[in-house]
Amino acid sequence: MSDITADEISKLLWAAEAGNLDTLECPRCRASTVSVSYTNAAADKYRVYFICSKCTFRMGSGQASKPAHFSQDRIDADLQAFDVELLQKTKFPRP
């Protein structure tokens, strides 16, 4: 992901926070084909994912609290299963 700048990542995060969850510009292929998905692997564990439907761009970010526009219908089942498994394998869980 070295070709993607911090500014481009920040734009995606701010877009999701503002409720813009579809047709976001992909920082890799520049198409407006990025959508937001969420996971909720535990009661206080949320992640937001940005997935491009045109190229291989995929990025996830941990969230300190429930995202403002989180909804059950935006949970990606495969990413949810991955995050649940990852959380179970964590050697040093948060206090």
PDB file of N, CA and C in Angstrom:
ATOM      1  N   MET A   1       0.814  -1.187   0.000  1.00  0.00           N
ATOM      2  CA  MET A   1       0.000   0.000   0.000  1.00  0.00           C
ATOM      3  C   MET A   1       0.864   1.259   0.000  1.00  0.00           C
ATOM      4  N   SER A   2       2.134   1.130  -0.270  1.00  0.00           N
ATOM      5  CA  SER A   2       3.038   2.276  -0.194  1.00  0.00           C
ATOM      6  C   SER A   2       2.719   3.367  -1.224  1.00  0.00           C
ATOM      7  N   ASP A   3       1.972   3.030  -2.272  1.00  0.00           N
ATOM      8  CA  ASP A   3       1.620   4.028  -3.274  1.00  0.00           C
ATOM      9  C   ASP A   3       0.436   4.897  -2.848  1.00  0.00           C
ATOM     10  N   ILE A   4      -0.149   4.584  -1.725  1.00  0.00           N
ATOM     11  CA  ILE A   4      -1.316   5.314  -1.226  1.00  0.00           C
ATOM     12  C   ILE A   4      -0.870   6.231  -0.094  1.00  0.00           C
ATOM     13  N   THR A   5      -1.266   7.495  -0.172  1.00  0.00           N
ATOM     14  CA  THR A   5      -0.807   8.476   0.811  1.00  0.00           C
ATOM     15  C   THR A   5      -1.708   8.509   2.048  1.00  0.00           C
ATOM     16  N   ALA A   6      -1.169   9.067   3.103  1.00  0.00           N
ATOM     17  CA  ALA A   6      -1.941   9.253   4.339  1.00  0.00           C
ATOM     18  C   ALA A   6      -3.149  10.151   4.084  1.00  0.00           C
ATOM     19  N   ASP A   7      -2.996  11.123   3.207  1.00  0.00           N
ATOM     20  CA  ASP A   7      -4.098  12.021   2.874  1.00  0.00           C
ATOM     21  C   ASP A   7      -5.247  11.251   2.212  1.00  0.00           C
ATOM     22  N   GLU A   8      -4.921  10.318   1.341  1.00  0.00           N
ATOM     23  CA  GLU A   8      -5.953   9.521   0.671  1.00  0.00           C
ATOM     24  C   GLU A   8      -6.684   8.615   1.669  1.00  0.00           C
ATOM     25  N   ILE A   9      -5.938   8.048   2.595  1.00  0.00           N
ATOM     26  CA  ILE A   9      -6.547   7.219   3.635  1.00  0.00           C
ATOM     27  C   ILE A   9      -7.447   8.079   4.515  1.00  0.00           C
ATOM     28  N   SER A  10      -6.957   9.248   4.873  1.00  0.00           N
ATOM     29  CA  SER A  10      -7.735  10.161   5.704  1.00  0.00           C
ATOM     30  C   SER A  10      -9.048  10.547   5.030  1.00  0.00           C
ATOM     31  N   LYS A  11      -9.016  10.783   3.723  1.00  0.00           N
ATOM     32  CA  LYS A  11     -10.231  11.134   2.981  1.00  0.00           C
ATOM     33  C   LYS A  11     -11.274  10.023   3.068  1.00  0.00           C
ATOM     34  N   LEU A  12     -10.829   8.775   2.962  1.00  0.00           N
ATOM     35  CA  LEU A  12     -11.762   7.647   3.076  1.00  0.00           C
ATOM     36  C   LEU A  12     -12.366   7.584   4.479  1.00  0.00           C
ATOM     37  N   LEU A  13     -11.527   7.730   5.492  1.00  0.00           N
ATOM     38  CA  LEU A  13     -12.024   7.675   6.878  1.00  0.00           C
ATOM     39  C   LEU A  13     -13.009   8.801   7.162  1.00  0.00           C
ATOM     40  N   TRP A  14     -12.706  10.002   6.689  1.00  0.00           N
ATOM     41  CA  TRP A  14     -13.612  11.135   6.901  1.00  0.00           C
ATOM     42  C   TRP A  14     -14.916  10.948   6.132  1.00  0.00           C
ATOM     43  N   ALA A  15     -14.834  10.373   4.941  1.00  0.00           N
ATOM     44  CA  ALA A  15     -16.043  10.123   4.153  1.00  0.00           C
ATOM     45  C   ALA A  15     -16.970   9.162   4.896  1.00  0.00           C
ATOM     46  N   ALA A  16     -16.411   8.093   5.438  1.00  0.00           N
ATOM     47  CA  ALA A  16     -17.225   7.127   6.186  1.00  0.00           C
ATOM     48  C   ALA A  16     -17.832   7.782   7.420  1.00  0.00           C
ATOM     49  N   GLU A  17     -17.057   8.583   8.102  1.00  0.00           N
ATOM     50  CA  GLU A  17     -17.558   9.279   9.300  1.00  0.00           C
ATOM     51  C   GLU A  17     -18.714  10.215   8.952  1.00  0.00           C
ATOM     52  N   ALA A  18     -18.662  10.789   7.754  1.00  0.00           N
ATOM     53  CA  ALA A  18     -19.717  11.708   7.314  1.00  0.00           C
ATOM     54  C   ALA A  18     -20.940  10.983   6.747  1.00  0.00           C
ATOM     55  N   GLY A  19     -20.843   9.667   6.621  1.00  0.00           N
ATOM     56  CA  GLY A  19     -21.977   8.900   6.111  1.00  0.00           C
ATOM     57  C   GLY A  19     -21.933   8.617   4.622  1.00  0.00           C
ATOM     58  N   ASN A  20     -20.844   8.965   3.973  1.00  0.00           N
ATOM     59  CA  ASN A  20     -20.661   8.654   2.554  1.00  0.00           C
ATOM     60  C   ASN A  20     -20.072   7.250   2.465  1.00  0.00           C
ATOM     61  N   LEU A  21     -20.911   6.268   2.181  1.00  0.00           N
ATOM     62  CA  LEU A  21     -20.510   4.873   2.299  1.00  0.00           C
ATOM     63  C   LEU A  21     -20.354   4.144   0.970  1.00  0.00           C
ATOM     64  N   ASP A  22     -20.686   4.775  -0.120  1.00  0.00           N
ATOM     65  CA  ASP A  22     -20.585   4.141  -1.432  1.00  0.00           C
ATOM     66  C   ASP A  22     -20.034   5.129  -2.452  1.00  0.00           C
ATOM     67  N   THR A  23     -19.570   4.582  -3.541  1.00  0.00           N
ATOM     68  CA  THR A  23     -18.999   5.339  -4.671  1.00  0.00           C
ATOM     69  C   THR A  23     -17.893   6.305  -4.245  1.00  0.00           C
ATOM     70  N   LEU A  24     -17.067   5.859  -3.300  1.00  0.00           N
ATOM     71  CA  LEU A  24     -15.905   6.647  -2.897  1.00  0.00           C
ATOM     72  C   LEU A  24     -14.775   6.400  -3.895  1.00  0.00           C
ATOM     73  N   GLU A  25     -13.903   7.382  -4.056  1.00  0.00           N
ATOM     74  CA  GLU A  25     -12.799   7.240  -5.003  1.00  0.00           C
ATOM     75  C   GLU A  25     -11.741   6.297  -4.453  1.00  0.00           C
ATOM     76  N   CYS A  26     -11.367   5.336  -5.259  1.00  0.00           N
ATOM     77  CA  CYS A  26     -10.329   4.388  -4.886  1.00  0.00           C
ATOM     78  C   CYS A  26      -8.960   5.054  -5.012  1.00  0.00           C
ATOM     79  N   PRO A  27      -8.139   4.981  -3.963  1.00  0.00           N
ATOM     80  CA  PRO A  27      -6.820   5.602  -4.033  1.00  0.00           C
ATOM     81  C   PRO A  27      -5.852   4.845  -4.946  1.00  0.00           C
ATOM     82  N   ARG A  28      -6.211   3.630  -5.339  1.00  0.00           N
ATOM     83  CA  ARG A  28      -5.339   2.867  -6.223  1.00  0.00           C
ATOM     84  C   ARG A  28      -5.730   3.030  -7.693  1.00  0.00           C
ATOM     85  N   CYS A  29      -6.981   2.752  -8.047  1.00  0.00           N
ATOM     86  CA  CYS A  29      -7.382   2.777  -9.466  1.00  0.00           C
ATOM     87  C   CYS A  29      -8.111   4.063  -9.863  1.00  0.00           C
ATOM     88  N   ARG A  30      -8.451   4.897  -8.880  1.00  0.00           N
ATOM     89  CA  ARG A  30      -9.109   6.200  -9.075  1.00  0.00           C
ATOM     90  C   ARG A  30     -10.565   6.125  -9.520  1.00  0.00           C
ATOM     91  N   ALA A  31     -11.127   4.931  -9.594  1.00  0.00           N
ATOM     92  CA  ALA A  31     -12.548   4.795  -9.931  1.00  0.00           C
ATOM     93  C   ALA A  31     -13.383   5.062  -8.677  1.00  0.00           C
ATOM     94  N   SER A  32     -14.608   5.477  -8.871  1.00  0.00           N
ATOM     95  CA  SER A  32     -15.524   5.713  -7.740  1.00  0.00           C
ATOM     96  C   SER A  32     -16.255   4.420  -7.406  1.00  0.00           C
ATOM     97  N   THR A  33     -15.480   3.443  -6.949  1.00  0.00           N
ATOM     98  CA  THR A  33     -16.003   2.090  -6.738  1.00  0.00           C
ATOM     99  C   THR A  33     -15.681   1.519  -5.361  1.00  0.00           C
ATOM    100  N   VAL A  34     -15.369   2.373  -4.407  1.00  0.00           N
ATOM    101  CA  VAL A  34     -15.089   1.906  -3.046  1.00  0.00           C
ATOM    102  C   VAL A  34     -16.360   2.013  -2.205  1.00  0.00           C
ATOM    103  N   SER A  35     -16.641   0.946  -1.472  1.00  0.00           N
ATOM    104  CA  SER A  35     -17.772   0.917  -0.544  1.00  0.00           C
ATOM    105  C   SER A  35     -17.271   0.596   0.854  1.00  0.00           C
ATOM    106  N   VAL A  36     -18.045   1.005   1.836  1.00  0.00           N
ATOM    107  CA  VAL A  36     -17.708   0.784   3.237  1.00  0.00           C
ATOM    108  C   VAL A  36     -18.466  -0.424   3.764  1.00  0.00           C
ATOM    109  N   SER A  37     -17.729  -1.291   4.472  1.00  0.00           N
ATOM    110  CA  SER A  37     -18.323  -2.410   5.207  1.00  0.00           C
ATOM    111  C   SER A  37     -17.839  -2.308   6.639  1.00  0.00           C
ATOM    112  N   TYR A  38     -18.551  -2.968   7.533  1.00  0.00           N
ATOM    113  CA  TYR A  38     -18.171  -2.954   8.948  1.00  0.00           C
ATOM    114  C   TYR A  38     -18.075  -4.369   9.485  1.00  0.00           C
ATOM    115  N   THR A  39     -17.383  -4.492  10.617  1.00  0.00           N
ATOM    116  CA  THR A  39     -17.442  -5.708  11.416  1.00  0.00           C
ATOM    117  C   THR A  39     -17.644  -5.297  12.861  1.00  0.00           C
ATOM    118  N   ASN A  40     -18.177  -6.229  13.623  1.00  0.00           N
ATOM    119  CA  ASN A  40     -18.409  -6.028  15.057  1.00  0.00           C
ATOM    120  C   ASN A  40     -18.094  -7.361  15.735  1.00  0.00           C
ATOM    121  N   ALA A  41     -16.799  -7.645  15.883  1.00  0.00           N
ATOM    122  CA  ALA A  41     -16.319  -8.942  16.349  1.00  0.00           C
ATOM    123  C   ALA A  41     -16.605  -9.213  17.825  1.00  0.00           C
ATOM    124  N   ALA A  42     -16.857  -8.178  18.592  1.00  0.00           N
ATOM    125  CA  ALA A  42     -17.196  -8.308  20.013  1.00  0.00           C
ATOM    126  C   ALA A  42     -17.982  -7.054  20.403  1.00  0.00           C
ATOM    127  N   ALA A  43     -18.495  -7.062  21.615  1.00  0.00           N
ATOM    128  CA  ALA A  43     -19.361  -5.960  22.054  1.00  0.00           C
ATOM    129  C   ALA A  43     -18.739  -4.579  21.838  1.00  0.00           C
ATOM    130  N   ASP A  44     -17.446  -4.452  22.039  1.00  0.00           N
ATOM    131  CA  ASP A  44     -16.798  -3.141  21.920  1.00  0.00           C
ATOM    132  C   ASP A  44     -15.726  -3.109  20.831  1.00  0.00           C
ATOM    133  N   LYS A  45     -15.790  -4.028  19.882  1.00  0.00           N
ATOM    134  CA  LYS A  45     -14.778  -4.125  18.823  1.00  0.00           C
ATOM    135  C   LYS A  45     -15.414  -3.876  17.452  1.00  0.00           C
ATOM    136  N   TYR A  46     -15.090  -2.759  16.878  1.00  0.00           N
ATOM    137  CA  TYR A  46     -15.613  -2.392  15.563  1.00  0.00           C
ATOM    138  C   TYR A  46     -14.459  -2.127  14.616  1.00  0.00           C
ATOM    139  N   ARG A  47     -14.660  -2.491  13.360  1.00  0.00           N
ATOM    140  CA  ARG A  47     -13.718  -2.146  12.305  1.00  0.00           C
ATOM    141  C   ARG A  47     -14.510  -1.638  11.108  1.00  0.00           C
ATOM    142  N   VAL A  48     -13.893  -0.724  10.380  1.00  0.00           N
ATOM    143  CA  VAL A  48     -14.469  -0.239   9.129  1.00  0.00           C
ATOM    144  C   VAL A  48     -13.543  -0.711   8.014  1.00  0.00           C
ATOM    145  N   TYR A  49     -14.127  -1.209   6.945  1.00  0.00           N
ATOM    146  CA  TYR A  49     -13.366  -1.672   5.786  1.00  0.00           C
ATOM    147  C   TYR A  49     -13.763  -0.876   4.557  1.00  0.00           C
ATOM    148  N   PHE A  50     -12.785  -0.610   3.733  1.00  0.00           N
ATOM    149  CA  PHE A  50     -12.988   0.067   2.458  1.00  0.00           C
ATOM    150  C   PHE A  50     -12.585  -0.923   1.373  1.00  0.00           C
ATOM    151  N   ILE A  51     -13.520  -1.243   0.479  1.00  0.00           N
ATOM    152  CA  ILE A  51     -13.285  -2.273  -0.524  1.00  0.00           C
ATOM    153  C   ILE A  51     -13.652  -1.735  -1.903  1.00  0.00           C
ATOM    154  N   CYS A  52     -12.692  -1.836  -2.815  1.00  0.00           N
ATOM    155  CA  CYS A  52     -12.923  -1.415  -4.190  1.00  0.00           C
ATOM    156  C   CYS A  52     -13.441  -2.602  -4.991  1.00  0.00           C
ATOM    157  N   SER A  53     -14.503  -2.380  -5.744  1.00  0.00           N
ATOM    158  CA  SER A  53     -15.076  -3.453  -6.564  1.00  0.00           C
ATOM    159  C   SER A  53     -14.412  -3.551  -7.937  1.00  0.00           C
ATOM    160  N   LYS A  54     -13.491  -2.638  -8.231  1.00  0.00           N
ATOM    161  CA  LYS A  54     -12.834  -2.646  -9.537  1.00  0.00           C
ATOM    162  C   LYS A  54     -11.409  -3.205  -9.487  1.00  0.00           C
ATOM    163  N   CYS A  55     -10.688  -2.908  -8.414  1.00  0.00           N
ATOM    164  CA  CYS A  55      -9.302  -3.378  -8.301  1.00  0.00           C
ATOM    165  C   CYS A  55      -9.128  -4.143  -6.980  1.00  0.00           C
ATOM    166  N   THR A  56      -7.909  -4.375  -6.589  1.00  0.00           N
ATOM    167  CA  THR A  56      -7.636  -5.182  -5.395  1.00  0.00           C
ATOM    168  C   THR A  56      -7.552  -4.368  -4.108  1.00  0.00           C
ATOM    169  N   PHE A  57      -7.836  -3.083  -4.166  1.00  0.00           N
ATOM    170  CA  PHE A  57      -7.720  -2.261  -2.958  1.00  0.00           C
ATOM    171  C   PHE A  57      -8.687  -2.723  -1.885  1.00  0.00           C
ATOM    172  N   ARG A  58      -8.135  -2.925  -0.688  1.00  0.00           N
ATOM    173  CA  ARG A  58      -8.922  -3.284   0.495  1.00  0.00           C
ATOM    174  C   ARG A  58      -8.153  -2.768   1.705  1.00  0.00           C
ATOM    175  N   MET A  59      -8.833  -2.040   2.556  1.00  0.00           N
ATOM    176  CA  MET A  59      -8.188  -1.490   3.734  1.00  0.00           C
ATOM    177  C   MET A  59      -9.149  -1.548   4.909  1.00  0.00           C
ATOM    178  N   GLY A  60      -8.632  -1.928   6.076  1.00  0.00           N
ATOM    179  CA  GLY A  60      -9.439  -1.953   7.289  1.00  0.00           C
ATOM    180  C   GLY A  60      -8.840  -1.052   8.345  1.00  0.00           C
ATOM    181  N   SER A  61      -9.700  -0.570   9.222  1.00  0.00           N
ATOM    182  CA  SER A  61      -9.259   0.316  10.292  1.00  0.00           C
ATOM    183  C   SER A  61     -10.042   0.009  11.556  1.00  0.00           C
ATOM    184  N   GLY A  62      -9.329  -0.161  12.670  1.00  0.00           N
ATOM    185  CA  GLY A  62      -9.981  -0.356  13.958  1.00  0.00           C
ATOM    186  C   GLY A  62     -10.626   0.937  14.420  1.00  0.00           C
ATOM    187  N   GLN A  63     -11.732   0.804  15.124  1.00  0.00           N
ATOM    188  CA  GLN A  63     -12.466   1.976  15.612  1.00  0.00           C
ATOM    189  C   GLN A  63     -12.493   1.963  17.140  1.00  0.00           C
ATOM    190  N   ALA A  64     -12.304   3.114  17.741  1.00  0.00           N
ATOM    191  CA  ALA A  64     -12.310   3.228  19.200  1.00  0.00           C
ATOM    192  C   ALA A  64     -13.711   3.084  19.773  1.00  0.00           C
ATOM    193  N   SER A  65     -14.722   3.354  18.967  1.00  0.00           N
ATOM    194  CA  SER A  65     -16.112   3.241  19.411  1.00  0.00           C
ATOM    195  C   SER A  65     -16.973   2.859  18.214  1.00  0.00           C
ATOM    196  N   LYS A  66     -18.247   2.660  18.453  1.00  0.00           N
ATOM    197  CA  LYS A  66     -19.160   2.280  17.380  1.00  0.00           C
ATOM    198  C   LYS A  66     -19.198   3.397  16.337  1.00  0.00           C
ATOM    199  N   PRO A  67     -18.927   3.068  15.059  1.00  0.00           N
ATOM    200  CA  PRO A  67     -18.975   4.093  14.020  1.00  0.00           C
ATOM    201  C   PRO A  67     -20.369   4.716  13.912  1.00  0.00           C
ATOM    202  N   ALA A  68     -20.405   5.990  13.621  1.00  0.00           N
ATOM    203  CA  ALA A  68     -21.663   6.743  13.574  1.00  0.00           C
ATOM    204  C   ALA A  68     -22.672   6.139  12.603  1.00  0.00           C
ATOM    205  N   HIS A  69     -22.207   5.568  11.508  1.00  0.00           N
ATOM    206  CA  HIS A  69     -23.116   5.052  10.485  1.00  0.00           C
ATOM    207  C   HIS A  69     -23.101   3.529  10.399  1.00  0.00           C
ATOM    208  N   PHE A  70     -22.658   2.901  11.492  1.00  0.00           N
ATOM    209  CA  PHE A  70     -22.661   1.435  11.556  1.00  0.00           C
ATOM    210  C   PHE A  70     -24.088   0.914  11.414  1.00  0.00           C
ATOM    211  N   SER A  71     -24.234  -0.138  10.627  1.00  0.00           N
ATOM    212  CA  SER A  71     -25.528  -0.815  10.530  1.00  0.00           C
ATOM    213  C   SER A  71     -25.283  -2.294  10.249  1.00  0.00           C
ATOM    214  N   GLN A  72     -26.183  -3.123  10.751  1.00  0.00           N
ATOM    215  CA  GLN A  72     -26.058  -4.567  10.584  1.00  0.00           C
ATOM    216  C   GLN A  72     -26.020  -4.966   9.110  1.00  0.00           C
ATOM    217  N   ASP A  73     -26.744  -4.264   8.269  1.00  0.00           N
ATOM    218  CA  ASP A  73     -26.792  -4.641   6.854  1.00  0.00           C
ATOM    219  C   ASP A  73     -25.492  -4.336   6.113  1.00  0.00           C
ATOM    220  N   ARG A  74     -24.580  -3.635   6.746  1.00  0.00           N
ATOM    221  CA  ARG A  74     -23.278  -3.354   6.129  1.00  0.00           C
ATOM    222  C   ARG A  74     -22.184  -4.253   6.681  1.00  0.00           C
ATOM    223  N   ILE A  75     -22.538  -5.224   7.509  1.00  0.00           N
ATOM    224  CA  ILE A  75     -21.541  -6.173   7.999  1.00  0.00           C
ATOM    225  C   ILE A  75     -21.232  -7.170   6.891  1.00  0.00           C
ATOM    226  N   ASP A  76     -19.960  -7.304   6.581  1.00  0.00           N
ATOM    227  CA  ASP A  76     -19.502  -8.280   5.590  1.00  0.00           C
ATOM    228  C   ASP A  76     -19.235  -9.590   6.332  1.00  0.00           C
ATOM    229  N   ALA A  77     -19.936 -10.645   5.960  1.00  0.00           N
ATOM    230  CA  ALA A  77     -19.871 -11.921   6.683  1.00  0.00           C
ATOM    231  C   ALA A  77     -18.454 -12.506   6.698  1.00  0.00           C
ATOM    232  N   ASP A  78     -17.741 -12.434   5.584  1.00  0.00           N
ATOM    233  CA  ASP A  78     -16.382 -12.985   5.531  1.00  0.00           C
ATOM    234  C   ASP A  78     -15.421 -12.186   6.406  1.00  0.00           C
ATOM    235  N   LEU A  79     -15.506 -10.882   6.339  1.00  0.00           N
ATOM    236  CA  LEU A  79     -14.642 -10.045   7.180  1.00  0.00           C
ATOM    237  C   LEU A  79     -15.000 -10.185   8.652  1.00  0.00           C
ATOM    238  N   GLN A  80     -16.289 -10.342   8.941  1.00  0.00           N
ATOM    239  CA  GLN A  80     -16.740 -10.549  10.314  1.00  0.00           C
ATOM    240  C   GLN A  80     -16.124 -11.840  10.868  1.00  0.00           C
ATOM    241  N   ALA A  81     -16.181 -12.916  10.111  1.00  0.00           N
ATOM    242  CA  ALA A  81     -15.609 -14.191  10.549  1.00  0.00           C
ATOM    243  C   ALA A  81     -14.102 -14.059  10.756  1.00  0.00           C
ATOM    244  N   PHE A  82     -13.428 -13.346   9.849  1.00  0.00           N
ATOM    245  CA  PHE A  82     -11.991 -13.114   9.981  1.00  0.00           C
ATOM    246  C   PHE A  82     -11.678 -12.349  11.269  1.00  0.00           C
ATOM    247  N   ASP A  83     -12.416 -11.283  11.533  1.00  0.00           N
ATOM    248  CA  ASP A  83     -12.162 -10.470  12.720  1.00  0.00           C
ATOM    249  C   ASP A  83     -12.464 -11.227  14.009  1.00  0.00           C
ATOM    250  N   VAL A  84     -13.514 -12.040  14.014  1.00  0.00           N
ATOM    251  CA  VAL A  84     -13.833 -12.847  15.199  1.00  0.00           C
ATOM    252  C   VAL A  84     -12.690 -13.818  15.476  1.00  0.00           C
ATOM    253  N   GLU A  85     -12.215 -14.496  14.430  1.00  0.00           N
ATOM    254  CA  GLU A  85     -11.108 -15.441  14.583  1.00  0.00           C
ATOM    255  C   GLU A  85      -9.843 -14.727  15.053  1.00  0.00           C
ATOM    256  N   LEU A  86      -9.561 -13.584  14.463  1.00  0.00           N
ATOM    257  CA  LEU A  86      -8.388 -12.810  14.848  1.00  0.00           C
ATOM    258  C   LEU A  86      -8.468 -12.396  16.315  1.00  0.00           C
ATOM    259  N   LEU A  87      -9.614 -11.958  16.748  1.00  0.00           N
ATOM    260  CA  LEU A  87      -9.806 -11.548  18.131  1.00  0.00           C
ATOM    261  C   LEU A  87      -9.595 -12.721  19.087  1.00  0.00           C
ATOM    262  N   GLN A  88     -10.060 -13.903  18.702  1.00  0.00           N
ATOM    263  CA  GLN A  88      -9.891 -15.092  19.533  1.00  0.00           C
ATOM    264  C   GLN A  88      -8.423 -15.488  19.660  1.00  0.00           C
ATOM    265  N   LYS A  89      -7.624 -15.168  18.664  1.00  0.00           N
ATOM    266  CA  LYS A  89      -6.196 -15.524  18.655  1.00  0.00           C
ATOM    267  C   LYS A  89      -5.319 -14.465  19.307  1.00  0.00           C
ATOM    268  N   THR A  90      -5.899 -13.362  19.703  1.00  0.00           N
ATOM    269  CA  THR A  90      -5.119 -12.288  20.304  1.00  0.00           C
ATOM    270  C   THR A  90      -4.454 -12.777  21.586  1.00  0.00           C
ATOM    271  N   LYS A  91      -3.140 -12.620  21.656  1.00  0.00           N
ATOM    272  CA  LYS A  91      -2.406 -13.085  22.828  1.00  0.00           C
ATOM    273  C   LYS A  91      -2.488 -12.130  24.007  1.00  0.00           C
ATOM    274  N   PHE A  92      -2.642 -10.852  23.716  1.00  0.00           N
ATOM    275  CA  PHE A  92      -2.703  -9.855  24.772  1.00  0.00           C
ATOM    276  C   PHE A  92      -3.978  -9.041  24.621  1.00  0.00           C
ATOM    277  N   PRO A  93      -5.091  -9.599  25.103  1.00  0.00           N
ATOM    278  CA  PRO A  93      -6.355  -8.870  24.956  1.00  0.00           C
ATOM    279  C   PRO A  93      -6.325  -7.549  25.716  1.00  0.00           C
ATOM    280  N   ARG A  94      -7.132  -6.615  25.223  1.00  0.00           N
ATOM    281  CA  ARG A  94      -7.230  -5.321  25.906  1.00  0.00           C
ATOM    282  C   ARG A  94      -7.811  -5.529  27.295  1.00  0.00           C
ATOM    283  N   PRO A  95      -7.358  -4.725  28.255  1.00  0.00           N
ATOM    284  CA  PRO A  95      -7.884  -4.848  29.638  1.00  0.00           C
ATOM    285  C   PRO A  95      -9.348  -4.481  29.724  1.00  0.00           C
TER     286      PRO A  95
END
